[in-house]
């Protein structure tokens, strides 16, 4: 009877029946979708591969959460470079204490390959975290047995001592496979220090160069001290030793080159000792300095350019130096004088750079870029890295540095034009930065002659702009970051090529 009534109704009112069937179908479809979403949410809440705890999850740029869950190609090799720096200087930085109460690094479902003692290889999924930090964001697991606490490596990662941090970021390296045996490989600790009146300053380089690590010993070490005084010719002192008299490590920042050495003290300061002789006269120079980096004022390290094997770390962007540099019986003494320390390594054939660092009141900035010798390649934007008393503050990318070549500098028997001033500008959203450089002194080195000076190596560099220009002067910054005005002026050192 019901079927007969339905058939008669469909025959008498066909359009009304179709409309009712369509509405009923749509209702059923919506209900199915809602039930599916509910089931998916329930499944996700039980998914052990999802990171728990906290209110915000930070992922590598461009990585989708679902790709991470399903193990798609885009999520296979993701990583966050310099995660400890991001944790210490960005997410858990003192300047964010009013909005961030806890931060925890976590790795979930990372693909690894396990090789067993019998030579078989198996794929495994691994997770990792720092127990105390994970507990702080409310994501601690329920323990059925045993203990779940930080070990010594967890502690060193989240809160290293100053010495541990400097060893971690400032250690030495062996040339990778693509640079093994390359005679132009070089790696060095570089320091500079300037007197308060800006009339005297020193550049100090502890360098390894040549085919470092080569069993034949075709490499060595050199201490280079260049002393400058306003308006006078620079004095250059060197001491070179063979490989057998060099000690360096890929796990710490200590370095010994003959009787000269750099040692990281237990409180994170650098002790510099060394002797060398002036190249022209044989007059001895003796170093006895302690360089103390300011807490948080460091650049964690980066590869400088694509296509070359290189690296750069600034362990002491803002530092003070105490001690003496003696030439013969005449000594210049320093008491908490402005200083700087960086570390470079790699193959420097065919490249030049723009570089500078200055302390400007409460701020300290670092700028630079590496440029290929290929004239058809557009130079990349500069990087300006800015810190204040609380550590990292901002990163800017000025398109270029505009020099005014208003000075004349003599190199051997040649006079070249060198900068008298320079300027950089950048606007990033509501943040602005304006840097002006006033050059007070400039010296230049012809890189076509053998020598070691900030990466020249032990042989000719063969670059299109062969004159390496080192400058001393003042820097002035202005602008605004997150609504706060920037202002400062102070001394700094700058480098370019001509």
Protein backbone atom coordinates (compact mmCIF):
# COMPACT_ATOMS: atom_id res chain seq x y z
CA UNK A 1 0.00 0.00 0.00
CA UNK A 2 2.82 2.45 0.91
CA UNK A 3 4.62 1.75 -2.34
CA UNK A 4 1.37 2.31 -4.29
CA UNK A 5 0.74 5.64 -2.56
CA UNK A 6 4.31 6.77 -3.21
CA UNK A 7 4.03 5.80 -6.87
CA UNK A 8 0.66 7.62 -7.29
CA UNK A 9 2.08 10.76 -5.56
CA UNK A 10 5.18 10.72 -7.79
CA UNK A 11 2.90 10.42 -10.86
CA UNK A 12 0.51 13.22 -9.82
CA UNK A 13 3.19 15.66 -8.41
CA UNK A 14 6.49 14.80 -10.14
CA UNK A 15 8.35 18.13 -9.58
CA UNK A 16 7.40 18.34 -5.89
CA UNK A 17 8.61 14.77 -5.38
CA UNK A 18 11.95 15.47 -7.10
CA UNK A 19 12.44 18.58 -4.95
CA UNK A 20 11.78 16.64 -1.73
CA UNK A 21 14.17 13.86 -2.78
CA UNK A 22 16.88 16.42 -3.58
CA UNK A 23 16.51 18.09 -0.19
CA UNK A 24 16.59 14.76 1.61
CA UNK A 25 19.75 13.77 -0.32
CA UNK A 26 21.49 17.03 0.56
CA UNK A 27 20.64 16.57 4.22
CA UNK A 28 22.07 13.07 4.21
CA UNK A 29 25.23 14.29 2.44
CA UNK A 30 25.81 17.10 4.97
CA UNK A 31 25.34 14.64 7.83
CA UNK A 32 27.91 12.27 6.29
CA UNK A 33 30.44 15.12 5.93
CA UNK A 34 29.93 16.26 9.53
CA UNK A 35 30.30 12.73 10.83
CA UNK A 36 33.49 12.29 8.76
CA UNK A 37 34.97 15.53 10.14
CA UNK A 38 34.13 14.47 13.67
CA UNK A 39 35.73 11.09 13.15
CA UNK A 40 38.86 12.74 11.66
CA UNK A 41 39.17 15.09 14.63
CA UNK A 42 38.82 12.16 17.00
CA UNK A 43 41.49 10.21 15.09
CA UNK A 44 43.85 13.20 15.13
CA UNK A 45 43.39 13.69 18.85
CA UNK A 46 44.63 10.12 19.30
CA UNK A 47 47.47 10.42 16.74
CA UNK A 48 50.80 10.04 18.52
CA UNK A 49 52.57 11.73 15.59
CA UNK A 50 50.99 15.11 16.31
CA UNK A 51 53.00 17.44 18.55
CA UNK A 52 51.18 18.12 21.78
CA UNK A 53 51.42 20.86 24.36
CA UNK A 54 51.66 24.62 24.11
CA UNK A 55 49.44 27.04 22.20
CA UNK A 56 51.60 27.74 19.12
CA UNK A 57 53.58 25.28 16.95
CA UNK A 58 56.52 26.63 14.93
CA UNK A 59 57.38 24.66 11.78
CA UNK A 60 59.91 25.12 8.96
CA UNK A 61 58.69 27.59 6.35
CA UNK A 62 56.57 25.97 3.66
CA UNK A 63 55.98 22.68 5.52
CA UNK A 64 52.36 21.52 5.81
CA UNK A 65 51.19 19.75 8.98
CA UNK A 66 49.38 17.05 6.98
CA UNK A 67 52.52 16.45 4.88
CA UNK A 68 54.45 15.87 8.10
CA UNK A 69 51.78 13.44 9.33
CA UNK A 70 51.51 11.42 6.15
CA UNK A 71 55.25 11.41 5.39
CA UNK A 72 54.94 13.05 1.97
CA UNK A 73 58.02 13.98 -0.06
CA UNK A 74 57.87 17.57 1.19
CA UNK A 75 58.21 16.45 4.79
CA UNK A 76 60.95 13.85 4.48
CA UNK A 77 63.98 16.02 5.08
CA UNK A 78 62.61 19.04 6.91
CA UNK A 79 64.67 20.68 9.62
CA UNK A 80 64.95 24.00 11.41
CA UNK A 81 68.47 25.31 10.98
CA UNK A 82 70.13 26.77 14.09
CA UNK A 83 67.26 25.55 16.27
CA UNK A 84 69.15 26.37 19.48
CA UNK A 85 69.71 29.96 18.33
CA UNK A 86 66.01 30.30 17.48
CA UNK A 87 65.11 28.89 20.90
CA UNK A 88 67.52 31.11 22.88
CA UNK A 89 67.50 34.32 20.87
CA UNK A 90 63.98 34.43 19.41
CA UNK A 91 61.30 32.29 21.06
CA UNK A 92 62.67 32.17 24.61
CA UNK A 93 64.45 35.53 24.43
CA UNK A 94 64.18 37.88 27.43
CA UNK A 95 62.40 40.51 25.34
CA UNK A 96 59.42 38.12 24.90
CA UNK A 97 59.08 37.08 28.54
CA UNK A 98 55.77 38.97 28.88
CA UNK A 99 54.08 36.93 26.14
CA UNK A 100 56.00 33.62 26.07
CA UNK A 101 56.09 31.53 29.24
CA UNK A 102 57.68 28.32 27.90
CA UNK A 103 59.22 26.98 24.68
CA UNK A 104 59.98 23.34 23.84
CA UNK A 105 61.85 21.89 20.83
CA UNK A 106 60.33 18.63 19.62
CA UNK A 107 60.96 16.21 16.75
CA UNK A 108 58.11 13.87 15.87
CA UNK A 109 58.28 10.92 13.50
CA UNK A 110 61.68 11.67 12.00
CA UNK A 111 62.77 9.14 9.38
CA UNK A 112 66.08 7.49 10.29
CA UNK A 113 68.02 4.48 9.06
CA UNK A 114 69.30 1.97 11.59
CA UNK A 115 72.18 -0.31 10.67
CA UNK A 116 72.43 -3.38 12.88
CA UNK A 117 75.54 -5.33 13.86
CA UNK A 118 74.82 -7.93 11.18
CA UNK A 119 74.98 -5.24 8.48
CA UNK A 120 71.23 -5.00 7.81
CA UNK A 121 69.64 -1.59 7.40
CA UNK A 122 66.17 -0.81 8.70
CA UNK A 123 64.01 2.28 8.58
CA UNK A 124 62.84 3.58 11.94
CA UNK A 125 60.74 6.46 13.15
CA UNK A 126 62.28 8.52 15.94
CA UNK A 127 61.09 11.32 18.19
CA UNK A 128 63.05 13.58 20.51
CA UNK A 129 62.59 16.41 22.97
CA UNK A 130 64.09 18.07 26.03
CA UNK A 131 62.15 16.62 28.98
CA UNK A 132 62.09 19.70 31.20
CA UNK A 133 61.01 21.96 28.35
CA UNK A 134 58.37 19.57 27.06
CA UNK A 135 56.93 19.32 30.57
CA UNK A 136 56.88 23.12 30.79
CA UNK A 137 54.52 23.38 27.79
CA UNK A 138 52.23 20.68 29.19
CA UNK A 139 53.20 17.86 26.82
CA UNK A 140 54.97 15.50 29.21
CA UNK A 141 54.11 11.82 28.59
CA UNK A 142 52.56 9.58 31.20
CA UNK A 143 55.34 7.44 32.64
CA UNK A 144 54.63 3.81 33.33
CA UNK A 145 58.11 3.21 34.72
CA UNK A 146 61.56 4.75 34.93
CA UNK A 147 62.63 8.40 34.87
CA UNK A 148 62.23 11.10 32.23
CA UNK A 149 64.64 13.95 32.99
CA UNK A 150 67.22 16.08 31.20
CA UNK A 151 70.65 14.59 30.71
CA UNK A 152 73.89 16.54 30.30
CA UNK A 153 73.39 17.04 26.55
CA UNK A 154 69.86 18.36 27.09
CA UNK A 155 71.22 20.86 29.61
CA UNK A 156 74.01 21.91 27.25
CA UNK A 157 71.50 22.45 24.45
CA UNK A 158 68.98 24.54 26.41
CA UNK A 159 71.34 26.49 28.68
CA UNK A 160 75.02 26.09 27.78
CA UNK A 161 77.69 27.91 29.73
CA UNK A 162 79.47 30.69 27.87
CA UNK A 163 82.47 28.41 27.29
CA UNK A 164 80.29 25.55 25.99
CA UNK A 165 78.46 27.87 23.61
CA UNK A 166 81.70 29.22 22.18
CA UNK A 167 83.18 25.75 21.73
CA UNK A 168 79.97 24.62 19.99
CA UNK A 169 79.80 27.45 17.46
CA UNK A 170 83.50 28.40 17.17
CA UNK A 171 85.23 25.02 16.72
CA UNK A 172 87.45 24.17 13.75
CA UNK A 173 86.64 22.04 10.69
CA UNK A 174 88.22 19.58 8.32
CA UNK A 175 87.75 20.31 4.62
CA UNK A 176 84.72 18.40 3.25
CA UNK A 177 85.15 15.91 0.43
CA UNK A 178 84.70 18.54 -2.30
CA UNK A 179 87.55 20.64 -0.82
CA UNK A 180 89.86 17.86 0.39
CA UNK A 181 93.45 18.58 -0.67
CA UNK A 182 92.58 22.07 -1.95
CA UNK A 183 95.62 24.31 -1.28
CA UNK A 184 93.39 27.42 -1.08
CA UNK A 185 91.49 26.12 1.95
CA UNK A 186 91.88 28.45 4.94
CA UNK A 187 90.36 28.75 8.41
CA UNK A 188 91.05 31.40 10.99
CA UNK A 189 90.23 33.08 14.28
CA UNK A 190 90.12 36.84 13.70
CA UNK A 191 90.13 39.54 16.39
CA UNK A 192 90.30 43.31 16.31
CA UNK A 193 90.71 45.83 19.09
CA UNK A 194 90.76 49.64 19.12
CA UNK A 195 91.83 52.22 21.69
CA UNK A 196 89.15 54.55 23.12
CA UNK A 197 90.52 57.56 21.19
CA UNK A 198 90.33 55.52 17.92
CA UNK A 199 93.94 56.46 17.14
CA UNK A 200 95.39 52.93 17.40
CA UNK A 201 93.95 49.56 16.47
CA UNK A 202 95.08 46.01 15.77
CA UNK A 203 93.96 43.16 13.51
CA UNK A 204 94.95 39.72 14.83
CA UNK A 205 94.59 36.52 12.78
CA UNK A 206 95.38 32.94 13.86
CA UNK A 207 95.16 31.01 10.57
CA UNK A 208 95.42 27.50 9.18
CA UNK A 209 95.90 27.33 5.41
CA UNK A 210 96.67 24.85 2.66
CA UNK A 211 95.55 21.25 2.30
CA UNK A 212 94.59 21.06 6.00
CA UNK A 213 94.48 17.50 7.31
CA UNK A 214 96.57 16.18 4.42
CA UNK A 215 98.87 13.39 5.65
CA UNK A 216 101.72 14.83 3.59
CA UNK A 217 101.62 17.94 5.75
CA UNK A 218 101.14 20.39 2.86
CA UNK A 219 99.63 23.00 5.14
CA UNK A 220 100.58 25.08 8.14
CA UNK A 221 99.61 27.78 10.57
CA UNK A 222 100.35 31.45 10.86
CA UNK A 223 99.90 34.22 13.41
CA UNK A 224 99.46 37.59 11.72
CA UNK A 225 99.31 40.85 13.69
CA UNK A 226 98.75 44.11 11.83
CA UNK A 227 99.14 47.25 13.96
CA UNK A 228 97.66 50.54 12.79
CA UNK A 229 98.02 54.12 13.96
CA UNK A 230 96.05 57.01 12.50
CA UNK A 231 97.97 58.64 9.66
CA UNK A 232 100.90 56.19 9.75
CA UNK A 233 101.92 53.15 7.73
CA UNK A 234 100.61 49.86 9.13
CA UNK A 235 103.13 47.45 10.65
CA UNK A 236 102.78 43.76 9.82
CA UNK A 237 104.12 40.95 12.04
CA UNK A 238 104.02 37.24 11.17
CA UNK A 239 104.99 33.86 12.57
CA UNK A 240 104.57 30.75 10.41
CA UNK A 241 104.87 27.11 11.54
CA UNK A 242 104.50 23.72 9.77
CA UNK A 243 101.56 21.38 10.28
CA UNK A 244 103.34 19.31 12.95
CA UNK A 245 103.36 22.36 15.26
CA UNK A 246 99.64 23.10 14.91
CA UNK A 247 96.90 21.84 17.23
CA UNK A 248 93.22 22.34 16.38
CA UNK A 249 90.02 20.44 17.10
CA UNK A 250 86.65 19.92 15.43
CA UNK A 251 85.01 19.87 18.88
CA UNK A 252 86.45 22.97 20.54
CA UNK A 253 87.63 26.47 19.70
CA UNK A 254 91.13 26.24 21.20
CA UNK A 255 93.99 26.65 18.75
CA UNK A 256 97.77 26.35 19.03
CA UNK A 257 100.15 27.56 16.31
CA UNK A 258 103.65 26.92 17.58
CA UNK A 259 104.04 29.01 20.74
CA UNK A 260 101.03 31.17 19.86
CA UNK A 261 97.59 30.13 21.00
CA UNK A 262 93.92 30.95 21.54
CA UNK A 263 92.23 29.37 24.57
CA UNK A 264 88.60 29.61 25.62
CA UNK A 265 88.57 30.15 29.39
CA UNK A 266 86.02 28.54 31.70
CA UNK A 267 83.92 31.74 31.79
CA UNK A 268 83.79 32.01 27.97
CA UNK A 269 86.48 34.66 27.52
CA UNK A 270 89.25 34.17 24.92
CA UNK A 271 92.90 34.27 26.04
CA UNK A 272 95.21 35.36 23.20
CA UNK A 273 98.92 34.69 23.49
CA UNK A 274 101.54 34.86 20.79
CA UNK A 275 104.75 36.22 19.38
CA UNK A 276 105.68 37.23 15.83
CA UNK A 277 108.25 39.37 14.04
CA UNK A 278 107.86 42.38 11.80
CA UNK A 279 108.35 41.46 8.18
CA UNK A 280 110.61 44.42 7.34
CA UNK A 281 112.71 44.84 10.47
CA UNK A 282 112.43 41.63 12.49
CA UNK A 283 111.16 43.56 15.53
CA UNK A 284 109.19 41.22 17.82
CA UNK A 285 105.57 41.69 18.86
CA UNK A 286 104.05 39.96 21.89
CA UNK A 287 100.32 39.46 22.47
CA UNK A 288 98.79 39.10 25.90
CA UNK A 289 95.07 39.84 25.62
CA UNK A 290 91.81 38.53 27.07
CA UNK A 291 88.74 39.16 24.89
CA UNK A 292 85.37 39.00 26.68
CA UNK A 293 82.31 38.64 24.39
CA UNK A 294 79.06 40.21 25.61
CA UNK A 295 76.31 37.70 26.44
CA UNK A 296 73.88 37.18 23.56
CA UNK A 297 75.85 39.31 21.09
CA UNK A 298 76.83 36.62 18.60
CA UNK A 299 76.00 35.44 15.09
CA UNK A 300 75.49 31.64 15.12
CA UNK A 301 77.04 30.86 11.75
CA UNK A 302 76.11 30.49 8.12
CA UNK A 303 77.33 29.33 4.75
CA UNK A 304 78.31 32.52 3.00
CA UNK A 305 77.36 31.84 -0.60
CA UNK A 306 76.09 29.12 -2.88
CA UNK A 307 78.65 27.44 -5.09
CA UNK A 308 81.59 27.80 -2.69
CA UNK A 309 82.56 25.89 0.43
CA UNK A 310 82.63 28.48 3.18
CA UNK A 311 81.39 29.33 6.64
CA UNK A 312 81.32 32.25 9.03
CA UNK A 313 80.59 32.62 12.75
CA UNK A 314 80.80 35.70 14.96
CA UNK A 315 81.35 34.56 18.53
CA UNK A 316 82.09 38.07 19.80
CA UNK A 317 80.10 40.67 17.86
CA UNK A 318 80.31 42.97 20.88
CA UNK A 319 83.35 42.32 23.07
CA UNK A 320 85.91 44.00 25.33
CA UNK A 321 89.67 43.40 25.37
CA UNK A 322 92.01 43.75 28.32
CA UNK A 323 95.78 43.24 28.26
CA UNK A 324 98.69 44.43 26.16
CA UNK A 325 100.37 44.32 22.76
CA UNK A 326 104.10 44.98 23.03
CA UNK A 327 106.40 45.87 20.13
CA UNK A 328 109.93 45.46 21.38
CA UNK A 329 109.91 47.22 24.76
CA UNK A 330 107.00 49.57 23.90
CA UNK A 331 103.57 48.35 25.02
CA UNK A 332 100.02 49.49 24.27
CA UNK A 333 97.74 48.54 27.13
CA UNK A 334 94.00 47.96 26.86
CA UNK A 335 91.39 48.05 29.63
CA UNK A 336 87.93 46.89 28.49
CA UNK A 337 88.65 48.32 25.02
CA UNK A 338 86.20 47.78 22.16
CA UNK A 339 86.90 44.44 20.46
CA UNK A 340 85.41 41.95 18.02
CA UNK A 341 85.93 38.25 17.17
CA UNK A 342 84.82 36.10 14.25
CA UNK A 343 85.76 32.74 12.69
CA UNK A 344 85.92 31.92 8.98
CA UNK A 345 86.63 28.78 7.00
CA UNK A 346 86.44 27.54 3.44
CA UNK A 347 87.79 27.95 -0.07
CA UNK A 348 88.03 31.59 -1.07
CA UNK A 349 89.15 31.31 -4.68
CA UNK A 350 87.52 33.87 -6.95
CA UNK A 351 85.32 35.66 -4.42
CA UNK A 352 85.23 39.09 -2.81
CA UNK A 353 83.05 40.47 -0.06
CA UNK A 354 81.49 43.50 1.56
CA UNK A 355 81.78 43.38 5.35
CA UNK A 356 81.63 45.56 8.41
CA UNK A 357 80.85 45.65 12.11
CA UNK A 358 80.41 48.57 14.49
CA UNK A 359 79.33 49.32 18.04
CA UNK A 360 76.87 52.22 17.98
CA UNK A 361 75.73 53.12 21.47
CA UNK A 362 73.42 50.43 22.87
CA UNK A 363 73.40 48.63 19.50
CA UNK A 364 75.96 46.61 17.56
CA UNK A 365 75.53 45.67 13.93
CA UNK A 366 77.18 43.36 11.43
CA UNK A 367 76.72 43.57 7.68
CA UNK A 368 78.07 41.59 4.75
CA UNK A 369 77.74 39.57 1.59
CA UNK A 370 80.02 37.38 -0.52
CA UNK A 371 80.27 38.23 -4.23
CA UNK A 372 81.21 35.93 -7.08
CA UNK A 373 83.93 36.94 -9.53
CA UNK A 374 81.44 36.25 -12.32
CA UNK A 375 80.49 39.73 -13.53
CA UNK A 376 77.24 38.45 -15.06
CA UNK A 377 75.90 37.36 -11.67
CA UNK A 378 73.76 39.89 -9.80
CA UNK A 379 75.17 40.36 -6.29
CA UNK A 380 72.82 39.23 -3.53
CA UNK A 381 71.34 41.69 -1.07
CA UNK A 382 73.39 42.58 1.96
CA UNK A 383 72.55 41.12 5.35
CA UNK A 384 72.50 43.51 8.31
CA UNK A 385 72.34 41.73 11.66
CA UNK A 386 71.48 43.95 14.64
CA UNK A 387 71.77 43.20 18.36
CA UNK A 388 71.15 45.19 21.53
CA UNK A 389 71.71 44.56 25.24
CA UNK A 390 69.21 41.65 25.17
CA UNK A 391 70.72 39.88 22.16
CA UNK A 392 69.39 39.54 18.62
CA UNK A 393 67.07 42.40 17.66
CA UNK A 394 66.44 42.46 13.90
CA UNK A 395 67.63 41.42 10.44
CA UNK A 396 67.58 43.77 7.46
CA UNK A 397 68.39 43.22 3.76
CA UNK A 398 69.61 46.44 2.09
CA UNK A 399 69.83 46.04 -1.66
CA UNK A 400 73.31 47.54 -1.81
CA UNK A 401 75.90 49.67 -0.07
CA UNK A 402 76.54 53.01 -1.75
CA UNK A 403 80.18 54.09 -1.49
CA UNK A 404 81.68 57.51 -2.16
CA UNK A 405 85.30 56.96 -3.22
CA UNK A 406 86.69 60.21 -1.86
CA UNK A 407 90.05 58.93 -0.56
CA UNK A 408 93.31 57.95 -2.22
CA UNK A 409 95.26 54.98 -0.82
CA UNK A 410 98.74 53.91 -1.93
CA UNK A 411 99.44 50.20 -2.49
CA UNK A 412 103.12 49.68 -3.28
CA UNK A 413 103.74 52.11 -6.11
CA UNK A 414 100.07 52.38 -7.11
CA UNK A 415 97.42 54.83 -5.92
CA UNK A 416 93.80 53.63 -5.85
CA UNK A 417 90.53 55.34 -4.99
CA UNK A 418 88.99 54.09 -1.74
CA UNK A 419 85.80 54.99 0.14
CA UNK A 420 85.43 58.10 2.27
CA UNK A 421 81.82 57.32 3.19
CA UNK A 422 79.07 54.78 2.59
CA UNK A 423 75.35 54.39 3.13
CA UNK A 424 72.81 51.55 3.48
CA UNK A 425 69.01 51.78 3.59
CA UNK A 426 66.25 49.23 4.11
CA UNK A 427 62.53 49.19 4.86
CA UNK A 428 60.83 45.99 6.02
CA UNK A 429 57.17 46.60 6.74
CA UNK A 430 57.00 49.26 9.45
CA UNK A 431 60.68 48.73 10.40
CA UNK A 432 63.33 50.99 8.89
CA UNK A 433 67.13 51.18 9.05
CA UNK A 434 69.58 53.81 7.85
CA UNK A 435 73.34 53.30 8.30
CA UNK A 436 75.97 55.91 7.44
CA UNK A 437 79.70 55.16 7.49
CA UNK A 438 82.40 57.84 7.74
CA UNK A 439 85.85 56.45 6.88
CA UNK A 440 88.77 57.83 8.91
CA UNK A 441 91.55 55.54 7.67
CA UNK A 442 92.00 52.97 4.90
CA UNK A 443 94.73 50.53 3.97
CA UNK A 444 94.82 48.24 0.96
CA UNK A 445 96.52 44.94 0.10
CA UNK A 446 97.23 43.64 -3.40
CA UNK A 447 95.85 40.08 -3.27
CA UNK A 448 97.87 39.08 -6.33
CA UNK A 449 100.93 38.85 -4.09
CA UNK A 450 101.40 35.89 -1.73
CA UNK A 451 100.28 36.54 1.83
CA UNK A 452 97.75 35.73 4.50
CA UNK A 453 95.25 38.42 5.41
CA UNK A 454 91.60 37.67 6.20
CA UNK A 455 91.35 34.87 3.65
CA UNK A 456 93.94 35.72 1.03
CA UNK A 457 95.34 32.23 1.48
CA UNK A 458 98.90 31.26 0.69
CA UNK A 459 98.70 32.02 -3.03
CA UNK A 460 97.32 34.62 -5.43
CA UNK A 461 93.54 35.05 -5.27
CA UNK A 462 93.28 35.96 -9.01
CA UNK A 463 90.19 38.18 -8.67
CA UNK A 464 88.91 40.97 -10.91
CA UNK A 465 89.12 43.62 -8.16
CA UNK A 466 92.47 42.69 -6.62
CA UNK A 467 92.84 45.37 -3.93
CA UNK A 468 91.53 44.32 -0.52
CA UNK A 469 90.60 47.49 1.42
CA UNK A 470 90.38 47.54 5.21
CA UNK A 471 88.86 50.65 6.75
CA UNK A 472 88.38 52.17 10.20
CA UNK A 473 85.77 54.80 10.89
CA UNK A 474 82.51 55.70 12.57
CA UNK A 475 79.00 54.44 11.94
CA UNK A 476 75.69 56.16 12.62
CA UNK A 477 72.36 54.32 12.65
CA UNK A 478 68.82 55.61 12.67
CA UNK A 479 65.39 54.15 12.01
CA UNK A 480 62.64 52.37 13.89
CA UNK A 481 61.99 48.77 14.99
CA UNK A 482 58.54 47.74 16.23
CA UNK A 483 57.73 51.36 16.95
CA UNK A 484 60.93 52.05 18.92
CA UNK A 485 63.33 54.65 17.43
CA UNK A 486 66.92 53.59 16.69
CA UNK A 487 69.81 55.95 17.29
CA UNK A 488 73.52 55.43 17.87
CA UNK A 489 77.01 56.33 16.77
CA UNK A 490 80.34 54.63 17.34
CA UNK A 491 83.51 53.07 15.95
CA UNK A 492 83.76 50.15 13.57
CA UNK A 493 85.78 48.35 10.90
CA UNK A 494 84.73 47.79 7.29
CA UNK A 495 86.06 45.87 4.25
CA UNK A 496 85.59 46.02 0.50
CA UNK A 497 87.55 45.51 -2.76
CA UNK A 498 88.78 47.85 -5.44
